[in-house]
Amino acid sequence: MRNFLLSVLILCSGSALAERGQVVRSFKTPGQRPTGLAFDGKLLWVADHQNDRLVAVDKATGSPVRSITAPSWHVVALGWDGAHLWSVDGAERKAYRMAPDTGTWDRSLELEAKAPRGMCFANGRMWVSDASMGGRLHEVDPEDGTTIRTIPAPSRGVTGCAILHGVIWVAERLADRVYAVDPASGEVFFHIPSPGPHPFGMAAIGDDLAVADYQTDEVVVMHTGHKDPARPYRRFGPREVSLEFLYRLRNLGPNPLKQVEIFVAIPKDQTWQEILEGPTFDPAPADRVTEEGGQEVARFVFKDVPPANFAGVTMRLRARLWNLAFEVLPHDVGSLKDIPADVRRVYLGDGSKLDISHPLIRSIVEKLSRSDTLSLLRAAYREVADRMEYEMTGGWNAAPTVLARGTGSCSEYSFALMALLRAAGIPARYAGSFVVRGDDASWDEDYHRWVEAYLPGIGWFPLDANKGDSPDMVVRASGFGQLDNRVLVTTESPGGTPAMGWTYNVNAHYVCSGKCTVVEDGVAEWSP
């Protein structure tokens, strides 16, 4: 989505099933260098930064209807409070309340924002985006300009803002993004690409979001309403890779291994991955088993493995991987009572790595926000991220131990989050993967796992509290409903299954006659 979208009028309805971020229409602004936007219920107001004019245009065509003189020389934002047009001067750090029919103003407020860039209104409060101090969003009393509270903005490059569907939409010019931000905490629900190279002013028009671009002198109207339940995500950035996974179970002796069973999780086509060739196995598996939850596993059997020898398996495949970003707001998600019975049965149970009846788990869950299902999910995710720091401790401890200790591996982050979610009534499973480590030609011997939660109306939703463990709201959001095109998922499991147990990718069972020292060695080799 770049400039070619800005010059073409795309004919779509903006209905509830349109894609978030899909362009509804676009038009050239009547002046140059547009900054602020405001919608008064009938007309869209555009701040002409170069000519110090505020121009009212037809919301559908962009045709000018009338214009008034700006009350100051450096207009950076416009807002509409339901009765008055507001104009913000960036140099003076002042907000002016104006009559839209005459252009006269009757109130001037000193703002506490050091670098005001955007303005919007909700529930009698004014919000002002501030590009200073790393980026802030100020909730402001419109009577005197006093900042009531501030929340973090996604970036110091924040510009315009608008309030729609109970969230603050924030334009950001450095990464060319539009963020959906929780006004209670400043946490990012998700972001969509900006429709232009320098997004600035923003205004809500019904279910749609108008974005003025300072570089292209365009206004683009994007759909942001209800998400299509069949596609509540954005998929982009395809990457083709070849994988050769080699696993060896080595017997260092001194006695033989009487029997070895090796279980390899079989990857399948997913929303974010397409298996182009394979997988093939060497040797051929003895059989294939399907675990509870539907995970298919290849089973290999080896007899009488002598000392200084190994039982080994190679899996080869070629795949196409995508980046995946869910774009979900609270009103997209159903309630817990909408969860299907078969999902409840498989993914709400307890397990040795969870211990969901433990007093620590119960005490944490009792304090989680429950205003809606998505808020409950975010609260559990935030709880794990806030309590823990990443540390490889050498084992996979159960959730209560991990949460009390405050450190853990990706697996332990996953156990902790699964326990909180299941105790709160949200079905959860883990996903395990091989990871492309930087270059397309690379190897992975550490692997990675995270959690998938079932959201009614959406489906399985990825959560990586390890990845999102950061005070930075954008980094934190990167683990909430997002996957990179460098992970190939092999395993999705409720945990504690007969073949895979609580492992992922591969598992082994063996019987020794006498004394045996057994060493596992597995590596995923990637080729572009």
Protein backbone atom coordinates (compact mmCIF):
# COMPACT_ATOMS: atom_id res chain seq x y z
CA MET A 1 0.00 0.00 0.00
CA ARG A 2 1.87 3.03 -1.16
CA ASN A 3 1.44 5.99 -3.48
CA PHE A 4 -0.32 4.17 -6.29
CA LEU A 5 -3.20 3.55 -3.89
CA LEU A 6 -3.36 7.21 -3.09
CA SER A 7 -4.08 8.30 -6.63
CA VAL A 8 -6.84 5.81 -7.40
CA LEU A 9 -10.38 5.84 -6.13
CA ILE A 10 -11.07 2.31 -4.97
CA LEU A 11 -14.75 1.44 -5.08
CA CYS A 12 -15.62 -0.63 -2.05
CA SER A 13 -18.41 -0.37 0.43
CA GLY A 14 -16.47 -0.07 3.68
CA SER A 15 -18.81 -2.77 5.00
CA ALA A 16 -18.26 -4.87 8.07
CA LEU A 17 -16.41 -7.52 6.03
CA ALA A 18 -13.86 -5.16 4.46
CA GLU A 19 -10.21 -5.56 5.37
CA ARG A 20 -8.84 -3.27 8.05
CA GLY A 21 -6.58 -0.80 6.31
CA GLN A 22 -8.35 -1.31 2.98
CA VAL A 23 -8.62 1.95 1.07
CA VAL A 24 -12.20 3.14 0.63
CA ARG A 25 -11.40 6.32 -1.33
CA SER A 26 -8.73 8.97 -1.70
CA PHE A 27 -8.48 12.53 -3.00
CA LYS A 28 -6.05 15.41 -3.29
CA THR A 29 -6.23 18.06 -0.58
CA PRO A 30 -7.33 21.57 -1.60
CA GLY A 31 -4.05 23.10 -0.37
CA GLN A 32 -0.51 21.99 0.31
CA ARG A 33 1.09 20.17 3.21
CA PRO A 34 -2.03 18.95 5.08
CA THR A 35 -1.57 18.43 8.81
CA GLY A 36 -4.72 18.29 10.93
CA LEU A 37 -8.01 16.60 10.04
CA ALA A 38 -11.39 16.80 11.79
CA PHE A 39 -14.84 15.55 10.85
CA ASP A 40 -17.81 17.60 12.09
CA GLY A 41 -20.46 15.03 11.16
CA LYS A 42 -20.99 16.47 7.68
CA LEU A 43 -17.77 18.00 6.39
CA LEU A 44 -14.13 17.00 6.66
CA TRP A 45 -11.84 19.83 7.77
CA VAL A 46 -8.28 19.92 6.46
CA ALA A 47 -5.51 22.15 7.84
CA ASP A 48 -3.53 23.75 5.00
CA HIS A 49 -0.19 24.10 6.80
CA GLN A 50 1.48 26.18 4.09
CA ASN A 51 -1.29 28.77 3.65
CA ASP A 52 -2.65 28.98 7.22
CA ARG A 53 -6.14 28.03 6.10
CA LEU A 54 -8.67 25.52 7.41
CA VAL A 55 -10.68 24.09 4.52
CA ALA A 56 -13.96 22.16 4.80
CA VAL A 57 -14.30 19.57 2.03
CA ASP A 58 -16.89 17.04 0.93
CA LYS A 59 -16.03 13.79 2.75
CA ALA A 60 -16.65 11.69 -0.38
CA THR A 61 -15.00 13.74 -3.13
CA GLY A 62 -12.66 16.15 -1.37
CA SER A 63 -14.27 19.10 -3.15
CA PRO A 64 -13.83 22.34 -1.15
CA VAL A 65 -17.00 23.72 0.43
CA ARG A 66 -15.63 26.68 2.34
CA SER A 67 -12.51 27.84 4.16
CA ILE A 68 -11.62 29.97 7.17
CA THR A 69 -8.44 31.62 8.34
CA ALA A 70 -6.46 29.63 10.89
CA PRO A 71 -6.18 31.28 14.33
CA SER A 72 -2.38 30.87 14.35
CA TRP A 73 0.61 30.44 12.06
CA HIS A 74 1.66 26.84 12.68
CA VAL A 75 -1.40 24.57 12.68
CA VAL A 76 -0.44 20.94 13.33
CA ALA A 77 -3.75 19.41 14.42
CA LEU A 78 -7.51 19.78 14.23
CA GLY A 79 -10.23 18.28 16.43
CA TRP A 80 -14.01 18.23 16.76
CA ASP A 81 -15.63 18.06 20.21
CA GLY A 82 -19.21 17.65 18.96
CA ALA A 83 -19.94 21.36 18.75
CA HIS A 84 -16.68 23.21 18.11
CA LEU A 85 -13.72 22.97 15.79
CA TRP A 86 -10.35 23.01 17.55
CA SER A 87 -7.01 24.03 16.07
CA VAL A 88 -3.60 23.31 17.63
CA ASP A 89 -0.52 25.46 17.06
CA GLY A 90 2.67 23.42 17.35
CA ALA A 91 5.04 26.32 17.97
CA GLU A 92 2.84 28.10 20.55
CA ARG A 93 1.70 24.77 22.07
CA LYS A 94 -1.84 26.21 22.20
CA ALA A 95 -5.27 24.88 21.31
CA TYR A 96 -7.95 27.25 19.98
CA ARG A 97 -11.70 26.56 20.16
CA MET A 98 -13.45 27.88 17.07
CA ALA A 99 -16.89 28.36 15.57
CA PRO A 100 -16.74 26.44 12.27
CA ASP A 101 -19.20 28.72 10.48
CA THR A 102 -17.38 32.01 11.20
CA GLY A 103 -13.84 30.99 12.15
CA THR A 104 -13.94 33.09 15.31
CA TRP A 105 -12.38 31.57 18.42
CA ASP A 106 -13.46 32.01 22.04
CA ARG A 107 -10.98 29.90 23.99
CA SER A 108 -7.21 29.49 23.96
CA LEU A 109 -5.56 26.76 26.05
CA GLU A 110 -1.90 26.35 26.97
CA LEU A 111 -1.05 22.68 26.40
CA GLU A 112 1.43 20.74 28.52
CA ALA A 113 2.49 18.62 25.53
CA LYS A 114 5.98 19.74 24.47
CA ALA A 115 5.51 18.83 20.81
CA PRO A 116 1.75 18.55 20.07
CA ARG A 117 1.00 16.85 16.76
CA GLY A 118 -2.55 15.46 16.86
CA MET A 119 -5.90 15.96 18.61
CA CYS A 120 -9.09 13.95 19.11
CA PHE A 121 -12.06 13.87 21.50
CA ALA A 122 -13.99 11.18 23.39
CA ASN A 123 -16.27 11.21 26.43
CA GLY A 124 -15.77 14.92 27.05
CA ARG A 125 -11.99 14.62 27.11
CA MET A 126 -9.41 15.92 24.68
CA TRP A 127 -6.49 13.73 23.61
CA VAL A 128 -3.28 15.29 22.31
CA SER A 129 -0.41 13.30 20.80
CA ASP A 130 3.03 14.51 21.85
CA ALA A 131 6.18 13.75 19.84
CA SER A 132 8.51 14.70 22.72
CA MET A 133 10.04 12.45 25.40
CA GLY A 134 9.87 9.34 23.25
CA GLY A 135 6.20 9.92 22.44
CA ARG A 136 3.24 10.42 24.77
CA LEU A 137 -0.54 10.66 24.57
CA HIS A 138 -2.06 13.28 26.87
CA GLU A 139 -5.62 13.08 28.17
CA VAL A 140 -6.49 16.77 28.58
CA ASP A 141 -9.20 18.75 30.34
CA PRO A 142 -10.70 20.90 27.54
CA GLU A 143 -11.70 23.57 30.04
CA ASP A 144 -8.17 24.66 30.95
CA GLY A 145 -5.69 22.49 28.99
CA THR A 146 -4.44 20.61 32.06
CA THR A 147 -3.05 17.15 31.37
CA ILE A 148 -5.08 14.69 33.45
CA ARG A 149 -2.82 11.74 32.70
CA THR A 150 -0.44 10.49 30.04
CA ILE A 151 0.11 7.09 28.49
CA PRO A 152 3.01 5.97 26.30
CA ALA A 153 2.68 6.54 22.57
CA PRO A 154 3.97 3.87 20.18
CA SER A 155 6.85 6.09 19.01
CA ARG A 156 8.42 9.51 19.20
CA GLY A 157 7.29 9.91 15.58
CA VAL A 158 3.60 10.19 16.50
CA THR A 159 1.53 12.67 14.53
CA GLY A 160 -2.27 12.58 14.23
CA CYS A 161 -4.77 10.70 16.35
CA ALA A 162 -8.45 9.71 16.17
CA ILE A 163 -10.79 7.77 18.44
CA LEU A 164 -12.87 4.99 16.93
CA HIS A 165 -14.30 1.73 18.33
CA GLY A 166 -13.09 2.65 21.81
CA VAL A 167 -9.41 2.78 20.84
CA ILE A 168 -7.04 5.59 19.90
CA TRP A 169 -5.70 5.33 16.37
CA VAL A 170 -2.28 6.98 16.19
CA ALA A 171 -0.37 7.89 13.03
CA GLU A 172 3.38 7.45 13.13
CA ARG A 173 5.63 8.89 10.43
CA LEU A 174 8.97 7.13 11.16
CA ALA A 175 7.87 3.56 10.42
CA ASP A 176 4.83 4.69 8.35
CA ARG A 177 2.26 2.93 10.51
CA VAL A 178 -1.15 3.47 12.05
CA TYR A 179 -1.47 1.98 15.55
CA ALA A 180 -4.60 0.91 17.44
CA VAL A 181 -3.86 1.85 21.08
CA ASP A 182 -5.66 0.98 24.30
CA PRO A 183 -6.58 4.35 25.91
CA ALA A 184 -6.49 2.80 29.38
CA SER A 185 -2.88 1.58 29.25
CA GLY A 186 -1.18 2.73 26.05
CA GLU A 187 -0.69 -0.88 24.97
CA VAL A 188 -0.83 -1.51 21.24
CA PHE A 189 -3.55 -3.83 19.94
CA PHE A 190 -1.94 -3.99 16.49
CA HIS A 191 -0.73 -1.73 13.70
CA ILE A 192 -1.49 -1.48 9.99
CA PRO A 193 0.66 0.08 7.26
CA SER A 194 0.17 3.77 6.66
CA PRO A 195 -1.36 4.47 3.23
CA GLY A 196 1.37 7.03 2.51
CA PRO A 197 4.97 8.00 3.33
CA HIS A 198 4.22 10.76 5.89
CA PRO A 199 0.89 10.25 7.69
CA PHE A 200 -0.12 13.29 9.72
CA GLY A 201 -3.71 14.33 10.38
CA MET A 202 -6.40 11.79 11.24
CA ALA A 203 -10.17 11.81 11.69
CA ALA A 204 -12.85 9.18 12.24
CA ILE A 205 -15.67 9.06 9.67
CA GLY A 206 -18.19 6.42 10.69
CA ASP A 207 -16.37 3.05 10.62
CA ASP A 208 -13.59 4.55 8.52
CA LEU A 209 -10.40 6.44 9.26
CA ALA A 210 -9.24 9.41 7.18
CA VAL A 211 -5.47 9.96 7.04
CA ALA A 212 -3.87 13.09 5.59
CA ASP A 213 -0.38 12.60 4.14
CA TYR A 214 2.01 15.55 4.46
CA GLN A 215 4.25 14.37 1.62
CA THR A 216 1.71 13.45 -1.07
CA ASP A 217 -0.94 16.11 -0.27
CA GLU A 218 -3.55 13.35 -0.21
CA VAL A 219 -6.34 12.28 2.11
CA VAL A 220 -6.91 8.53 2.17
CA VAL A 221 -9.98 6.99 3.81
CA MET A 222 -9.35 3.48 5.19
CA HIS A 223 -11.77 0.93 6.63
CA THR A 224 -11.18 0.10 10.31
CA GLY A 225 -14.54 -1.38 11.32
CA HIS A 226 -15.44 -4.96 12.12
CA LYS A 227 -12.92 -7.49 10.89
CA ASP A 228 -13.89 -10.28 8.51
CA PRO A 229 -14.14 -13.30 10.88
CA ALA A 230 -12.85 -15.55 8.08
CA ARG A 231 -9.65 -13.49 7.83
CA PRO A 232 -8.94 -11.58 11.07
CA TYR A 233 -5.30 -11.08 10.14
CA ARG A 234 -2.91 -9.59 7.59
CA ARG A 235 -0.46 -11.93 5.83
CA PHE A 236 2.61 -10.52 4.07
CA GLY A 237 6.31 -10.99 3.30
CA PRO A 238 6.49 -14.53 1.85
CA ARG A 239 9.78 -16.38 2.22
CA GLU A 240 10.69 -19.74 0.62
CA VAL A 241 13.00 -22.07 2.55
CA SER A 242 14.27 -25.64 2.48
CA LEU A 243 14.67 -27.57 5.72
CA GLU A 244 16.72 -30.62 6.60
CA PHE A 245 16.18 -31.71 10.19
CA LEU A 246 18.66 -34.27 11.51
CA TYR A 247 18.02 -35.98 14.83
CA ARG A 248 20.36 -38.49 16.45
CA LEU A 249 19.94 -40.43 19.70
CA ARG A 250 23.48 -41.55 20.53
CA ASN A 251 24.25 -44.49 22.79
CA LEU A 252 27.60 -43.91 24.50
CA GLY A 253 27.32 -47.29 26.23
CA PRO A 254 28.64 -49.38 27.74
CA ASN A 255 25.50 -51.50 27.18
CA PRO A 256 23.10 -51.63 24.22
CA LEU A 257 19.79 -49.86 23.86
CA LYS A 258 17.19 -52.59 23.44
CA GLN A 259 14.60 -50.37 21.74
CA VAL A 260 14.31 -46.77 20.63
CA GLU A 261 11.16 -44.96 19.54
CA ILE A 262 11.60 -41.53 17.91
CA PHE A 263 8.58 -39.31 17.32
CA VAL A 264 8.83 -36.42 14.85
CA ALA A 265 5.99 -33.88 14.66
CA ILE A 266 4.80 -33.49 11.08
CA PRO A 267 4.32 -29.87 9.94
CA LYS A 268 1.26 -29.06 7.87
CA ASP A 269 -0.22 -26.22 5.84
CA GLN A 270 -1.26 -23.33 8.06
CA THR A 271 -2.43 -19.78 7.56
CA TRP A 272 1.19 -18.61 7.81
CA GLN A 273 2.94 -21.55 6.09
CA GLU A 274 2.52 -23.66 2.98
CA ILE A 275 4.35 -26.98 2.63
CA LEU A 276 5.55 -26.99 -0.98
CA GLU A 277 7.39 -30.33 -0.98
CA GLY A 278 7.49 -33.17 1.53
CA PRO A 279 8.00 -33.80 4.25
CA THR A 280 10.04 -36.88 3.41
CA PHE A 281 11.77 -39.08 5.99
CA ASP A 282 14.90 -41.20 6.02
CA PRO A 283 14.36 -43.92 7.11
CA ALA A 284 10.66 -44.30 6.45
CA PRO A 285 8.53 -44.18 9.61
CA ALA A 286 7.09 -47.34 11.07
CA ASP A 287 3.72 -45.62 11.20
CA ARG A 288 1.99 -42.32 11.84
CA VAL A 289 -0.10 -41.47 14.88
CA THR A 290 -2.55 -38.65 15.51
CA GLU A 291 -2.49 -37.14 18.98
CA GLU A 292 -5.36 -35.48 20.82
CA GLY A 293 -5.90 -32.10 19.24
CA GLY A 294 -5.06 -33.41 15.76
CA GLN A 295 -1.26 -33.27 15.75
CA GLU A 296 0.17 -35.87 13.36
CA VAL A 297 3.42 -37.55 14.39
CA ALA A 298 5.79 -39.87 12.49
CA ARG A 299 6.93 -42.84 14.64
CA PHE A 300 10.27 -44.59 14.09
CA VAL A 301 11.40 -47.80 15.81
CA PHE A 302 14.98 -49.02 16.22
CA LYS A 303 16.09 -52.30 17.85
CA ASP A 304 19.34 -53.15 19.62
CA VAL A 305 21.39 -49.98 19.19
CA PRO A 306 24.94 -50.99 20.28
CA PRO A 307 27.38 -48.74 22.17
CA ALA A 308 29.06 -46.00 20.10
CA ASN A 309 26.15 -46.05 17.64
CA PHE A 310 22.98 -44.03 17.18
CA ALA A 311 19.37 -44.19 16.09
CA GLY A 312 18.68 -41.35 13.69
CA VAL A 313 16.02 -39.69 11.54
CA THR A 314 16.20 -37.06 8.80
CA MET A 315 13.18 -34.98 7.73
CA ARG A 316 13.31 -32.85 4.58
CA LEU A 317 10.80 -30.36 3.20
CA ARG A 318 10.40 -27.10 1.33
CA ALA A 319 7.99 -24.44 2.54
CA ARG A 320 6.74 -20.91 2.02
CA LEU A 321 6.46 -18.86 5.23
CA TRP A 322 4.64 -15.56 5.80
CA ASN A 323 4.56 -12.84 8.41
CA LEU A 324 1.18 -12.91 10.14
CA ALA A 325 -0.43 -10.07 12.09
CA PHE A 326 -3.85 -10.41 13.68
CA GLU A 327 -5.87 -7.18 13.68
CA VAL A 328 -8.36 -7.80 16.45
CA LEU A 329 -10.27 -5.35 18.67
CA PRO A 330 -12.46 -6.19 21.69
CA HIS A 331 -15.72 -5.99 19.73
CA ASP A 332 -14.45 -8.64 17.29
CA VAL A 333 -14.22 -11.30 20.00
CA GLY A 334 -17.09 -13.30 21.48
CA SER A 335 -17.57 -14.19 25.14
CA LEU A 336 -16.23 -17.26 26.92
CA LYS A 337 -19.65 -18.92 26.72
CA ASP A 338 -19.28 -18.94 22.92
CA ILE A 339 -16.33 -21.37 23.03
CA PRO A 340 -17.26 -24.73 21.42
CA ALA A 341 -17.60 -27.71 23.77
CA ASP A 342 -14.98 -29.81 21.94
CA VAL A 343 -12.41 -27.03 22.28
CA ARG A 344 -13.19 -26.70 26.00
CA ARG A 345 -12.78 -30.43 26.51
CA VAL A 346 -9.31 -30.67 24.99
CA TYR A 347 -7.74 -27.31 25.89
CA LEU A 348 -9.04 -26.36 29.34
CA GLY A 349 -7.70 -29.36 31.28
CA ASP A 350 -4.85 -29.40 33.76
CA GLY A 351 -1.42 -30.99 33.30
CA SER A 352 1.84 -31.66 35.08
CA LYS A 353 3.44 -28.49 33.67
CA LEU A 354 0.41 -26.29 34.48
CA ASP A 355 -1.07 -27.07 37.91
CA ILE A 356 -3.91 -24.61 37.35
CA SER A 357 -5.43 -25.22 40.79
CA HIS A 358 -2.27 -24.03 42.54
CA PRO A 359 -2.93 -21.10 44.93
CA LEU A 360 -0.47 -18.82 43.10
CA ILE A 361 -2.16 -19.44 39.75
CA ARG A 362 -5.60 -18.85 41.25
CA SER A 363 -4.56 -15.67 43.05
CA ILE A 364 -3.12 -14.17 39.86
CA VAL A 365 -6.17 -15.09 37.78
CA GLU A 366 -8.57 -13.55 40.28
CA LYS A 367 -6.94 -10.14 39.71
CA LEU A 368 -7.01 -10.19 35.90
CA SER A 369 -9.18 -7.66 34.06
CA ARG A 370 -12.36 -9.26 32.72
CA SER A 371 -14.16 -6.40 30.96
CA ASP A 372 -14.14 -8.49 27.76
CA THR A 373 -12.46 -11.63 26.44
CA LEU A 374 -9.64 -9.80 24.66
CA SER A 375 -8.89 -7.73 27.78
CA LEU A 376 -8.69 -10.93 29.82
CA LEU A 377 -6.29 -12.41 27.29
CA ARG A 378 -4.13 -9.27 27.27
CA ALA A 379 -4.09 -9.15 31.08
CA ALA A 380 -2.78 -12.72 31.32
CA TYR A 381 -0.17 -12.03 28.63
CA ARG A 382 0.92 -8.85 30.40
CA GLU A 383 1.10 -10.64 33.75
CA VAL A 384 3.59 -13.19 32.46
CA ALA A 385 5.68 -10.57 30.66
CA ASP A 386 5.78 -8.34 33.74
CA ARG A 387 6.67 -11.13 36.16
CA MET A 388 9.37 -12.87 34.16
CA GLU A 389 12.78 -12.42 32.60
CA TYR A 390 14.26 -14.75 30.01
CA GLU A 391 16.83 -17.17 31.39
CA MET A 392 17.77 -20.70 30.34
CA THR A 393 17.76 -22.57 33.64
CA GLY A 394 18.24 -26.06 32.21
CA GLY A 395 14.82 -27.55 32.89
CA TRP A 396 11.13 -27.23 32.18
CA ASN A 397 9.54 -26.39 35.52
CA ALA A 398 5.80 -26.19 36.11
CA ALA A 399 3.98 -22.87 35.87
CA PRO A 400 3.72 -22.05 39.63
CA THR A 401 7.48 -22.58 40.09
CA VAL A 402 8.28 -20.48 37.04
CA LEU A 403 6.02 -17.59 38.07
CA ALA A 404 7.33 -17.61 41.64
CA ARG A 405 10.94 -17.70 40.44
CA GLY A 406 10.46 -14.98 37.82
CA THR A 407 12.80 -16.45 35.18
CA GLY A 408 12.40 -19.05 32.49
CA SER A 409 12.96 -20.29 28.96
CA CYS A 410 10.48 -19.90 26.11
CA SER A 411 8.95 -23.22 27.15
CA GLU A 412 8.51 -22.03 30.72
CA TYR A 413 6.98 -18.74 29.56
CA SER A 414 4.56 -20.91 27.57
CA PHE A 415 3.67 -23.14 30.53
CA ALA A 416 3.06 -20.09 32.73
CA LEU A 417 0.80 -18.40 30.18
CA MET A 418 -1.09 -21.61 29.37
CA ALA A 419 -1.78 -22.14 33.08
CA LEU A 420 -3.16 -18.61 33.58
CA LEU A 421 -5.30 -18.79 30.46
CA ARG A 422 -6.81 -22.18 31.23
CA ALA A 423 -7.45 -21.18 34.84
CA ALA A 424 -9.24 -18.08 33.50
CA GLY A 425 -11.40 -20.15 31.12
CA ILE A 426 -9.56 -19.44 27.85
CA PRO A 427 -8.53 -22.60 25.95
CA ALA A 428 -4.79 -22.71 25.31
CA ARG A 429 -2.22 -24.93 23.63
CA TYR A 430 1.43 -24.54 22.72
CA ALA A 431 3.02 -24.25 19.28
CA GLY A 432 6.57 -25.46 18.63
CA SER A 433 8.80 -24.58 15.70
CA PHE A 434 12.13 -24.54 13.96
CA VAL A 435 13.46 -21.00 13.47
CA VAL A 436 15.44 -19.41 10.63
CA ARG A 437 18.24 -17.76 12.60
CA GLY A 438 18.95 -14.60 10.63
CA ASP A 439 20.33 -15.71 7.26
CA ASP A 440 18.35 -17.98 4.96
CA ALA A 441 21.31 -20.37 5.06
CA SER A 442 21.58 -21.05 8.79
CA TRP A 443 20.93 -23.68 11.42
CA ASP A 444 18.75 -23.90 14.50
CA GLU A 445 19.48 -26.14 17.45
CA ASP A 446 17.55 -24.17 20.10
CA TYR A 447 14.05 -24.14 18.52
CA HIS A 448 11.19 -22.03 19.91
CA ARG A 449 7.69 -22.38 21.32
CA TRP A 450 4.85 -20.06 22.27
CA VAL A 451 1.14 -20.22 23.15
CA GLU A 452 -1.98 -20.22 21.02
CA ALA A 453 -5.23 -19.13 22.71
CA TYR A 454 -8.70 -19.82 21.35
CA LEU A 455 -10.73 -16.63 20.89
CA PRO A 456 -14.44 -17.12 20.08
CA GLY A 457 -15.22 -15.48 16.75
CA ILE A 458 -11.53 -15.41 15.80
CA GLY A 459 -10.01 -18.88 16.29
CA TRP A 460 -6.48 -19.72 17.43
CA PHE A 461 -4.48 -16.61 18.27
CA PRO A 462 -0.65 -16.64 18.78
CA LEU A 463 0.86 -15.28 22.02
CA ASP A 464 4.60 -15.12 22.64
CA ALA A 465 5.10 -13.52 26.06
CA ASN A 466 8.83 -14.24 25.80
CA LYS A 467 9.09 -12.21 22.59
CA GLY A 468 6.88 -9.43 23.96
CA ASP A 469 8.65 -9.15 27.32
CA SER A 470 9.53 -5.46 27.10
CA PRO A 471 8.35 -2.11 28.53
CA ASP A 472 8.24 -0.80 24.96
CA MET A 473 4.62 -1.02 23.82
CA VAL A 474 5.47 -1.81 20.19
CA VAL A 475 7.87 -4.59 21.18
CA ARG A 476 5.29 -5.93 23.63
CA ALA A 477 2.70 -6.00 20.84
CA SER A 478 5.09 -7.97 18.62
CA GLY A 479 4.33 -11.09 20.66
CA PHE A 480 0.57 -10.51 20.76
CA GLY A 481 -1.14 -11.92 17.67
CA GLN A 482 1.95 -11.84 15.45
CA LEU A 483 4.23 -14.42 13.83
CA ASP A 484 7.43 -13.91 11.83
CA ASN A 485 8.18 -15.48 8.47
CA ARG A 486 11.16 -17.21 10.06
CA VAL A 487 9.24 -19.85 12.03
CA LEU A 488 8.10 -23.20 10.68
CA VAL A 489 5.52 -24.63 13.07
CA THR A 490 5.73 -28.38 13.50
CA THR A 491 3.73 -28.90 16.67
CA GLU A 492 0.42 -27.72 18.12
CA SER A 493 -0.43 -29.61 21.27
CA PRO A 494 -2.50 -29.42 24.46
CA GLY A 495 0.51 -30.99 26.23
CA GLY A 496 1.00 -34.28 27.99
CA THR A 497 0.16 -36.44 24.95
CA PRO A 498 1.44 -40.05 24.68
CA ALA A 499 3.93 -39.54 21.84
CA MET A 500 5.16 -35.95 22.23
CA GLY A 501 4.52 -35.46 25.96
CA TRP A 502 5.31 -31.83 26.75
CA THR A 503 7.98 -31.62 24.05
CA TYR A 504 7.77 -30.25 20.50
CA ASN A 505 9.44 -30.95 17.15
CA VAL A 506 10.83 -34.31 18.29
CA ASN A 507 10.65 -36.72 21.20
CA ALA A 508 12.27 -40.07 21.99
CA HIS A 509 11.51 -43.05 24.24
CA TYR A 510 14.09 -45.79 24.80
CA VAL A 511 14.79 -48.94 26.82
CA CYS A 512 18.32 -49.78 27.99
CA SER A 513 19.69 -53.18 28.94
CA GLY A 514 22.18 -52.47 31.72
CA LYS A 515 24.09 -49.19 31.85
CA CYS A 516 23.64 -46.65 29.02
CA THR A 517 24.58 -43.01 28.59
CA VAL A 518 22.28 -41.47 25.99
CA VAL A 519 22.83 -38.11 24.27
CA GLU A 520 20.34 -36.36 21.98
CA ASP A 521 21.54 -34.25 19.07
CA GLY A 522 19.14 -32.38 16.77
CA VAL A 523 19.72 -29.57 14.31
CA ALA A 524 17.53 -27.90 11.68
CA GLU A 525 19.56 -26.86 8.63
CA TRP A 526 18.01 -24.12 6.49
CA SER A 527 18.69 -23.34 2.85
CA PRO A 528 17.14 -20.51 0.81
